[in-house]
Protein backbone atom coordinates (compact mmCIF):
# COMPACT_ATOMS: atom_id res chain seq x y z
CA MET A 1 -57.65 16.82 47.97
CA MET A 2 -59.22 15.65 44.76
CA ARG A 3 -58.08 18.74 42.98
CA ARG A 4 -54.46 18.15 43.91
CA ALA A 5 -54.57 14.46 42.94
CA LEU A 6 -55.99 15.22 39.50
CA PRO A 7 -52.87 16.96 38.09
CA TRP A 8 -50.66 14.16 39.37
CA ALA A 9 -52.97 11.58 37.86
CA ALA A 10 -52.84 13.40 34.51
CA LEU A 11 -49.02 13.39 34.55
CA LEU A 12 -48.76 9.68 35.36
CA PRO A 13 -49.57 8.40 31.84
CA ILE A 14 -47.12 10.91 30.31
CA THR A 15 -44.24 9.80 32.53
CA ALA A 16 -45.02 6.12 31.93
CA GLN A 17 -45.09 6.75 28.19
CA ALA A 18 -41.78 8.67 28.33
CA ALA A 19 -40.21 5.88 30.40
CA ALA A 20 -41.36 3.29 27.85
CA GLN A 21 -39.88 5.32 24.97
CA ALA A 22 -36.61 5.78 26.84
CA ALA A 23 -36.38 2.04 27.48
CA ALA A 24 -37.03 1.29 23.80
CA GLN A 25 -34.18 3.56 22.59
CA PRO A 26 -30.58 2.32 22.92
CA ALA A 27 -28.21 4.13 25.21
CA PRO A 28 -26.08 6.83 23.50
CA THR A 29 -22.84 4.98 24.30
CA SER A 30 -24.01 1.76 22.64
CA SER A 31 -24.91 3.60 19.43
CA LEU A 32 -21.48 5.29 19.51
CA PHE A 33 -19.74 1.91 19.85
CA GLN A 34 -21.89 0.55 17.03
CA LEU A 35 -20.89 3.51 14.83
CA LEU A 36 -17.19 3.07 15.61
CA PHE A 37 -17.36 -0.68 14.98
CA GLY A 38 -19.01 -0.09 11.60
CA LEU A 39 -16.38 2.52 10.68
CA ILE A 40 -13.51 0.21 11.63
CA ALA A 41 -15.10 -2.67 9.70
CA VAL A 42 -15.50 -0.57 6.52
CA LEU A 43 -11.94 0.79 6.75
CA GLY A 44 -10.63 -2.74 7.31
CA LEU A 45 -12.48 -4.02 4.24
CA MET A 46 -11.11 -1.16 2.13
CA GLY A 47 -7.55 -1.82 3.34
CA GLY A 48 -7.91 -5.55 2.71
CA ALA A 49 -9.23 -4.95 -0.81
CA ALA A 50 -6.36 -2.56 -1.58
CA TRP A 51 -3.80 -5.07 -0.28
CA LEU A 52 -5.36 -7.87 -2.34
CA LEU A 53 -5.37 -5.76 -5.52
CA LYS A 54 -1.74 -4.82 -4.94
CA ARG A 55 -0.80 -8.44 -4.24
CA LEU A 56 -2.47 -9.65 -7.44
CA GLY A 57 -0.82 -6.91 -9.51
CA VAL A 58 -4.09 -5.50 -10.81
CA ALA A 59 -2.93 -1.91 -10.26
CA LYS A 60 0.05 -2.35 -12.61
CA SER A 61 -2.06 -3.68 -15.46
CA ILE A 62 -4.69 -0.95 -15.10
CA THR A 63 -2.29 1.96 -15.52
CA GLY A 64 -1.28 1.10 -19.08
CA ALA A 65 1.58 3.60 -18.87
CA PRO A 66 4.03 3.55 -21.80
CA LEU A 67 7.02 3.30 -19.47
CA LYS A 68 8.37 0.48 -17.35
CA VAL A 69 11.12 0.29 -14.75
CA VAL A 70 13.58 -2.35 -15.99
CA GLY A 71 15.89 -2.30 -12.98
CA GLY A 72 17.60 -0.16 -10.42
CA ILE A 73 20.24 0.00 -7.75
CA SER A 74 20.63 2.04 -4.59
CA VAL A 75 23.79 4.16 -4.56
CA GLY A 76 23.23 5.98 -1.30
CA GLY A 77 20.83 6.48 1.55
CA ARG A 78 18.15 8.06 -0.60
CA GLU A 79 19.72 8.01 -4.07
CA ARG A 80 19.04 5.42 -6.78
CA ILE A 81 19.93 4.75 -10.39
CA LEU A 82 17.05 3.36 -12.46
CA VAL A 83 16.75 2.01 -15.98
CA VAL A 84 13.39 3.01 -17.44
CA GLU A 85 12.03 1.57 -20.69
CA VAL A 86 10.08 3.98 -22.89
CA ALA A 87 8.91 2.52 -26.22
CA ASP A 88 12.12 1.10 -27.82
CA GLN A 89 14.56 3.07 -25.71
CA TRP A 90 16.13 2.64 -22.27
CA ILE A 91 16.80 5.75 -20.21
CA VAL A 92 19.20 5.63 -17.26
CA VAL A 93 18.11 8.14 -14.63
CA GLY A 94 19.50 9.21 -11.29
CA VAL A 95 16.86 9.70 -8.63
CA ALA A 96 17.46 11.73 -5.47
CA PRO A 97 15.06 13.51 -3.12
CA GLY A 98 13.49 16.25 -5.19
CA ARG A 99 15.53 15.54 -8.35
CA VAL A 100 15.48 13.19 -11.33
CA ASN A 101 18.37 13.52 -13.83
CA THR A 102 18.88 11.73 -17.12
CA LEU A 103 22.29 10.03 -17.10
CA SER A 104 22.24 8.15 -20.40
CA THR A 105 20.01 6.75 -23.14
CA MET A 106 20.45 3.56 -25.16
CA PRO A 107 18.40 1.39 -27.50
CA ARG A 108 16.23 -1.29 -25.89
CA GLN A 109 18.07 -4.53 -25.13
CA GLU A 110 17.00 -7.99 -24.16
CA ALA A 111 16.66 -8.56 -20.41
CA GLN A 112 19.35 -11.31 -20.38
CA ALA A 113 21.91 -9.02 -21.99
CA ALA A 114 21.35 -6.41 -19.29
CA VAL A 115 21.76 -8.95 -16.50
CA SER A 116 24.87 -10.67 -17.92
CA GLY A 117 27.09 -9.18 -15.21
CA THR A 118 25.24 -10.96 -12.40
CA PRO A 119 26.11 -14.56 -11.48
CA ASP A 120 23.78 -17.41 -12.30
CA PRO A 121 22.44 -18.84 -9.02
CA ALA A 122 22.43 -22.38 -10.46
CA ASN A 123 26.12 -22.12 -11.39
CA PHE A 124 27.41 -20.37 -8.27
CA SER A 125 30.32 -22.73 -7.68
CA SER A 126 31.88 -22.02 -11.10
CA TRP A 127 31.37 -18.29 -10.62
CA LEU A 128 33.09 -18.45 -7.21
CA LYS A 129 35.96 -20.45 -8.70
CA GLN A 130 36.43 -17.87 -11.50
CA THR A 131 36.36 -15.01 -9.03
CA ILE A 132 39.00 -16.63 -6.79
CA GLU A 133 41.20 -17.35 -9.83
CA LYS A 134 40.93 -13.72 -10.95
CA ARG A 135 41.94 -12.50 -7.51
CA ASN A 136 44.90 -14.88 -7.30
CA GLY A 137 45.98 -14.01 -10.82
CA ASN A 138 45.86 -10.24 -10.14
CA ARG A 139 48.17 -10.46 -7.09
């Protein structure tokens, strides 16, 4: 009987040591959750930083491109007309899915001259009065 008890006695310290190591290591699911939490936290920080930079307008000042969009208007579902400033020239372009066409070019103007057709929000009542008078006079 001693001979049979000896191999079991020799295996006892190995199993106790393996059990202690297994208890010291975290479960595989907890390390997976920790990894996913870290990934989500890093992606969230990157998204927040990108939003903040966009909100502050840092991306526009970094580009340093020689052109600037002065204004634009939508003329259809996916079509727009834009006024782009390049150096001392304004270029009117038509933008559609897959196409950009030059419509006209003109020398650079002051921003107020380009917006003269729009009503002044502070003087809306006089603009409305003029518009009603024009309609009544045309009939």
